N, C-alpha and C. Protein backbone atom coordinates (compact mmCIF):
# COMPACT_ATOMS: atom_id res chain seq x y z
N MET A 1 98.49 102.58 134.55
CA MET A 1 99.77 101.98 134.18
C MET A 1 99.73 101.54 132.73
N THR A 2 100.86 101.66 132.08
CA THR A 2 101.01 101.20 130.70
C THR A 2 101.00 99.68 130.66
N LYS A 3 100.22 99.14 129.73
CA LYS A 3 100.16 97.69 129.53
C LYS A 3 100.69 97.37 128.15
N ILE A 4 101.41 96.26 128.07
CA ILE A 4 101.90 95.80 126.77
C ILE A 4 101.51 94.33 126.63
N TYR A 5 100.60 94.07 125.69
CA TYR A 5 100.26 92.69 125.36
C TYR A 5 101.33 92.20 124.39
N CYS A 6 101.96 91.08 124.74
CA CYS A 6 103.02 90.57 123.88
C CYS A 6 103.09 89.04 123.95
N TYR A 7 103.90 88.50 123.07
CA TYR A 7 104.12 87.06 123.00
C TYR A 7 105.61 86.84 123.19
N GLU A 8 105.97 85.99 124.15
CA GLU A 8 107.37 85.86 124.56
C GLU A 8 108.31 85.40 123.44
N ARG A 9 107.81 84.71 122.44
CA ARG A 9 108.67 84.24 121.36
C ARG A 9 108.73 85.19 120.17
N CYS A 10 108.03 86.29 120.25
CA CYS A 10 107.97 87.28 119.16
C CYS A 10 109.17 88.22 119.26
N THR A 11 109.95 88.29 118.19
CA THR A 11 111.14 89.15 118.21
C THR A 11 110.78 90.64 118.28
N THR A 12 109.68 91.03 117.64
CA THR A 12 109.26 92.43 117.71
C THR A 12 108.85 92.79 119.13
N CYS A 13 108.18 91.87 119.81
CA CYS A 13 107.81 92.11 121.21
C CYS A 13 109.05 92.24 122.08
N LYS A 14 110.01 91.38 121.87
CA LYS A 14 111.27 91.43 122.64
C LYS A 14 111.96 92.77 122.41
N LYS A 15 111.98 93.22 121.17
CA LYS A 15 112.60 94.50 120.83
C LYS A 15 111.87 95.66 121.53
N ALA A 16 110.54 95.61 121.52
CA ALA A 16 109.74 96.67 122.14
C ALA A 16 109.96 96.71 123.65
N LEU A 17 109.99 95.55 124.29
CA LEU A 17 110.21 95.50 125.75
C LEU A 17 111.61 95.96 126.10
N ALA A 18 112.60 95.57 125.31
CA ALA A 18 113.97 96.03 125.55
C ALA A 18 114.06 97.54 125.40
N TRP A 19 113.36 98.07 124.40
CA TRP A 19 113.34 99.52 124.19
C TRP A 19 112.72 100.21 125.41
N CYS A 20 111.61 99.68 125.91
CA CYS A 20 110.95 100.25 127.10
C CYS A 20 111.91 100.21 128.29
N ASP A 21 112.56 99.07 128.49
CA ASP A 21 113.49 98.93 129.61
C ASP A 21 114.63 99.93 129.51
N SER A 22 115.19 100.10 128.32
CA SER A 22 116.33 101.02 128.16
C SER A 22 115.91 102.48 128.25
N ASN A 23 114.61 102.75 128.09
CA ASN A 23 114.13 104.13 128.19
C ASN A 23 113.38 104.40 129.50
N GLY A 24 113.47 103.47 130.43
CA GLY A 24 112.88 103.68 131.75
C GLY A 24 111.36 103.67 131.78
N VAL A 25 110.74 103.05 130.80
CA VAL A 25 109.28 102.98 130.75
C VAL A 25 108.80 101.84 131.65
N LYS A 26 107.96 102.18 132.59
CA LYS A 26 107.37 101.15 133.46
C LYS A 26 106.11 100.62 132.78
N TYR A 27 105.95 99.31 132.81
CA TYR A 27 104.83 98.69 132.12
C TYR A 27 104.44 97.37 132.77
N GLU A 28 103.22 96.97 132.49
CA GLU A 28 102.74 95.65 132.89
C GLU A 28 102.74 94.80 131.62
N LYS A 29 103.47 93.71 131.65
CA LYS A 29 103.55 92.81 130.50
C LYS A 29 102.43 91.77 130.62
N ILE A 30 101.66 91.62 129.55
CA ILE A 30 100.56 90.67 129.52
C ILE A 30 100.78 89.69 128.37
N ASP A 31 100.70 88.41 128.67
CA ASP A 31 100.88 87.37 127.67
C ASP A 31 99.65 87.33 126.76
N ILE A 32 99.83 87.73 125.52
CA ILE A 32 98.70 87.82 124.60
C ILE A 32 98.12 86.46 124.22
N LYS A 33 98.92 85.41 124.38
CA LYS A 33 98.43 84.07 124.06
C LYS A 33 97.62 83.50 125.22
N GLY A 34 98.12 83.63 126.42
CA GLY A 34 97.45 83.05 127.58
C GLY A 34 96.40 83.94 128.22
N ASP A 35 96.54 85.25 128.05
CA ASP A 35 95.65 86.21 128.70
C ASP A 35 95.22 87.27 127.69
N HIS A 36 94.72 86.80 126.55
CA HIS A 36 94.39 87.74 125.47
C HIS A 36 93.15 88.55 125.81
N PRO A 37 93.04 89.74 125.19
CA PRO A 37 91.88 90.59 125.46
C PRO A 37 90.59 89.95 124.95
N ASP A 38 89.53 90.09 125.75
CA ASP A 38 88.23 89.57 125.34
C ASP A 38 87.56 90.56 124.39
N GLU A 39 86.39 90.19 123.91
CA GLU A 39 85.72 91.02 122.91
C GLU A 39 85.40 92.42 123.42
N ALA A 40 84.92 92.52 124.64
CA ALA A 40 84.59 93.84 125.20
C ALA A 40 85.84 94.72 125.31
N THR A 41 86.95 94.13 125.74
CA THR A 41 88.21 94.87 125.86
C THR A 41 88.68 95.30 124.48
N LEU A 42 88.61 94.41 123.50
CA LEU A 42 89.03 94.75 122.14
C LEU A 42 88.19 95.89 121.57
N ARG A 43 86.90 95.87 121.84
CA ARG A 43 86.03 96.95 121.37
C ARG A 43 86.45 98.29 121.99
N GLU A 44 86.75 98.26 123.27
CA GLU A 44 87.19 99.46 123.98
C GLU A 44 88.53 99.96 123.42
N LEU A 45 89.47 99.03 123.23
CA LEU A 45 90.80 99.40 122.72
C LEU A 45 90.70 99.94 121.30
N HIS A 46 89.86 99.32 120.50
CA HIS A 46 89.67 99.77 119.12
C HIS A 46 89.14 101.20 119.10
N LYS A 47 88.13 101.46 119.91
CA LYS A 47 87.54 102.80 119.97
C LYS A 47 88.58 103.83 120.42
N LYS A 48 89.34 103.48 121.44
CA LYS A 48 90.35 104.39 121.98
C LYS A 48 91.48 104.65 120.97
N SER A 49 91.78 103.66 120.14
CA SER A 49 92.91 103.78 119.21
C SER A 49 92.64 104.70 118.03
N GLY A 50 91.38 104.73 117.58
CA GLY A 50 91.07 105.48 116.38
C GLY A 50 91.54 104.80 115.10
N LEU A 51 92.05 103.58 115.22
CA LEU A 51 92.57 102.84 114.07
C LEU A 51 91.48 102.01 113.41
N PRO A 52 91.65 101.70 112.13
CA PRO A 52 90.73 100.75 111.50
C PRO A 52 90.86 99.39 112.20
N LEU A 53 89.79 98.65 112.29
CA LEU A 53 89.80 97.36 112.99
C LEU A 53 90.82 96.40 112.38
N LYS A 54 91.03 96.47 111.08
CA LYS A 54 91.97 95.55 110.43
C LYS A 54 93.39 95.71 110.97
N LYS A 55 93.72 96.86 111.56
CA LYS A 55 95.05 97.09 112.14
C LYS A 55 95.27 96.26 113.40
N PHE A 56 94.20 95.70 113.94
CA PHE A 56 94.32 94.87 115.15
C PHE A 56 94.61 93.41 114.83
N PHE A 57 94.56 93.05 113.56
CA PHE A 57 94.81 91.66 113.17
C PHE A 57 96.29 91.43 112.88
N ASN A 58 96.80 90.32 113.37
CA ASN A 58 98.18 89.89 113.11
C ASN A 58 98.19 89.21 111.74
N THR A 59 98.32 90.01 110.70
CA THR A 59 98.19 89.51 109.34
C THR A 59 99.35 88.61 108.91
N SER A 60 100.43 88.61 109.65
CA SER A 60 101.57 87.76 109.29
C SER A 60 101.58 86.46 110.10
N GLY A 61 100.60 86.27 110.97
CA GLY A 61 100.56 85.08 111.81
C GLY A 61 100.05 83.84 111.08
N MET A 62 100.50 82.69 111.58
CA MET A 62 100.08 81.41 111.00
C MET A 62 98.57 81.21 111.07
N LEU A 63 97.99 81.53 112.21
CA LEU A 63 96.56 81.32 112.40
C LEU A 63 95.74 82.17 111.42
N TYR A 64 96.17 83.40 111.21
CA TYR A 64 95.51 84.30 110.26
C TYR A 64 95.53 83.68 108.86
N ARG A 65 96.69 83.16 108.48
CA ARG A 65 96.83 82.55 107.15
C ARG A 65 96.06 81.24 107.05
N GLU A 66 96.14 80.42 108.10
CA GLU A 66 95.43 79.12 108.10
C GLU A 66 93.92 79.31 107.94
N GLN A 67 93.40 80.35 108.57
CA GLN A 67 91.96 80.61 108.51
C GLN A 67 91.56 81.42 107.27
N ASN A 68 92.55 81.75 106.44
CA ASN A 68 92.32 82.49 105.20
C ASN A 68 91.56 83.80 105.46
N LEU A 69 91.94 84.47 106.53
CA LEU A 69 91.21 85.66 106.95
C LEU A 69 91.37 86.83 106.00
N SER A 70 92.45 86.88 105.25
CA SER A 70 92.60 87.99 104.30
C SER A 70 91.47 87.99 103.28
N GLN A 71 90.96 86.80 102.96
CA GLN A 71 89.84 86.68 102.02
C GLN A 71 88.49 86.85 102.71
N LYS A 72 88.41 86.44 103.97
CA LYS A 72 87.12 86.44 104.69
C LYS A 72 86.77 87.78 105.33
N LEU A 73 87.76 88.49 105.86
CA LEU A 73 87.48 89.71 106.62
C LEU A 73 86.67 90.76 105.85
N PRO A 74 86.97 91.01 104.58
CA PRO A 74 86.21 92.05 103.88
C PRO A 74 84.70 91.79 103.84
N ASP A 75 84.30 90.53 103.91
CA ASP A 75 82.88 90.19 103.86
C ASP A 75 82.24 90.02 105.24
N MET A 76 83.04 90.16 106.30
CA MET A 76 82.53 89.98 107.66
C MET A 76 82.05 91.31 108.23
N SER A 77 81.04 91.22 109.08
CA SER A 77 80.59 92.42 109.80
C SER A 77 81.63 92.74 110.87
N GLU A 78 81.55 93.94 111.40
CA GLU A 78 82.47 94.33 112.47
C GLU A 78 82.28 93.41 113.69
N ASP A 79 81.04 93.06 114.00
CA ASP A 79 80.77 92.16 115.12
C ASP A 79 81.45 90.80 114.91
N GLU A 80 81.37 90.28 113.70
CA GLU A 80 82.02 89.00 113.40
C GLU A 80 83.54 89.11 113.52
N GLN A 81 84.07 90.24 113.08
CA GLN A 81 85.52 90.45 113.17
C GLN A 81 85.97 90.52 114.63
N PHE A 82 85.21 91.20 115.46
CA PHE A 82 85.55 91.26 116.89
C PHE A 82 85.50 89.88 117.53
N LYS A 83 84.50 89.09 117.18
CA LYS A 83 84.37 87.74 117.75
C LYS A 83 85.57 86.87 117.38
N ILE A 84 85.97 86.91 116.12
CA ILE A 84 87.10 86.09 115.70
C ILE A 84 88.41 86.60 116.30
N LEU A 85 88.55 87.91 116.38
CA LEU A 85 89.75 88.50 116.97
C LEU A 85 89.88 88.12 118.45
N ALA A 86 88.77 88.07 119.15
CA ALA A 86 88.77 87.73 120.57
C ALA A 86 88.93 86.23 120.82
N SER A 87 88.80 85.43 119.77
CA SER A 87 88.84 83.97 119.95
C SER A 87 90.24 83.43 120.24
N ASP A 88 91.27 84.16 119.83
CA ASP A 88 92.64 83.67 120.02
C ASP A 88 93.61 84.85 120.01
N GLY A 89 94.42 84.96 121.05
CA GLY A 89 95.38 86.06 121.16
C GLY A 89 96.39 86.11 120.03
N MET A 90 96.62 84.96 119.38
CA MET A 90 97.59 84.94 118.29
C MET A 90 97.06 85.63 117.03
N LEU A 91 95.79 85.99 117.02
CA LEU A 91 95.23 86.75 115.90
C LEU A 91 95.43 88.26 116.09
N VAL A 92 95.80 88.67 117.29
CA VAL A 92 95.92 90.09 117.62
C VAL A 92 97.33 90.58 117.29
N LYS A 93 97.40 91.71 116.61
CA LYS A 93 98.68 92.34 116.26
C LYS A 93 99.42 92.67 117.55
N ARG A 94 100.69 92.36 117.56
CA ARG A 94 101.50 92.59 118.76
C ARG A 94 102.82 93.24 118.40
N PRO A 95 103.43 93.86 119.37
CA PRO A 95 102.90 94.15 120.70
C PRO A 95 101.74 95.15 120.62
N LEU A 96 100.90 95.07 121.61
CA LEU A 96 99.75 95.96 121.70
C LEU A 96 99.99 96.85 122.92
N LEU A 97 100.27 98.12 122.65
CA LEU A 97 100.58 99.09 123.69
C LEU A 97 99.29 99.79 124.12
N VAL A 98 99.04 99.79 125.43
CA VAL A 98 97.83 100.42 125.96
C VAL A 98 98.23 101.37 127.09
N THR A 99 97.90 102.65 126.91
CA THR A 99 98.12 103.64 127.97
C THR A 99 96.77 104.21 128.36
N GLU A 100 96.78 105.15 129.29
CA GLU A 100 95.53 105.79 129.72
C GLU A 100 94.79 106.43 128.55
N SER A 101 95.55 107.01 127.62
CA SER A 101 94.92 107.78 126.54
C SER A 101 95.12 107.23 125.14
N SER A 102 95.95 106.20 124.98
CA SER A 102 96.28 105.72 123.63
C SER A 102 96.34 104.20 123.55
N VAL A 103 96.19 103.73 122.32
CA VAL A 103 96.39 102.31 122.00
C VAL A 103 97.17 102.28 120.69
N CYS A 104 98.18 101.43 120.64
CA CYS A 104 99.03 101.34 119.46
C CYS A 104 99.29 99.86 119.15
N THR A 105 99.11 99.48 117.90
CA THR A 105 99.39 98.11 117.49
C THR A 105 100.74 98.06 116.80
N GLY A 106 101.53 97.04 117.14
CA GLY A 106 102.86 96.91 116.55
C GLY A 106 103.85 97.83 117.23
N PHE A 107 105.12 97.69 116.88
CA PHE A 107 106.16 98.52 117.48
C PHE A 107 106.82 99.40 116.42
N LYS A 108 106.56 100.68 116.54
CA LYS A 108 107.24 101.69 115.73
C LYS A 108 107.82 102.67 116.74
N GLU A 109 109.15 102.69 116.83
CA GLU A 109 109.82 103.45 117.88
C GLU A 109 109.35 104.90 117.96
N ALA A 110 109.26 105.58 116.83
CA ALA A 110 108.86 106.99 116.84
C ALA A 110 107.45 107.17 117.42
N GLU A 111 106.57 106.25 117.07
CA GLU A 111 105.19 106.32 117.58
C GLU A 111 105.16 106.06 119.08
N TRP A 112 105.93 105.06 119.53
CA TRP A 112 105.97 104.76 120.96
C TRP A 112 106.60 105.91 121.73
N LYS A 113 107.62 106.55 121.19
CA LYS A 113 108.24 107.71 121.85
C LYS A 113 107.21 108.79 122.08
N LYS A 114 106.42 109.06 121.04
CA LYS A 114 105.40 110.10 121.14
C LYS A 114 104.34 109.75 122.17
N ILE A 115 103.84 108.53 122.11
CA ILE A 115 102.78 108.09 123.04
C ILE A 115 103.26 108.07 124.48
N LEU A 116 104.50 107.57 124.68
CA LEU A 116 105.03 107.41 126.04
C LEU A 116 105.80 108.62 126.55
N GLY A 117 105.96 109.64 125.70
CA GLY A 117 106.64 110.85 126.13
C GLY A 117 108.11 110.65 126.46
N VAL A 118 108.75 109.79 125.69
CA VAL A 118 110.18 109.48 125.93
C VAL A 118 111.04 110.34 125.03
């Protein structure tokens, strides 16, 4: 089943879920703040996505800015980055779309159409 990690107050997440609903996409909604992916899950999702790890960070989030991660990440090992990413769901780019064969960070309609076959 398709999973979508999202945050209920995020307008992009709301837009993505509305798009899924209007296109008949069945999905499991997961609260990224309360039930965020752990380090092992993030490692698996990262590998499956083929994306650079930095694409998994919510670079526009308050927590990211408060922790000054834009300055710190380049000097961190991948293991350190995974640990910090797994520490709080608000650091994870959302919505996070997970299917059997793909992982996508953020909502880009054309990309979601391709992944979901809509």
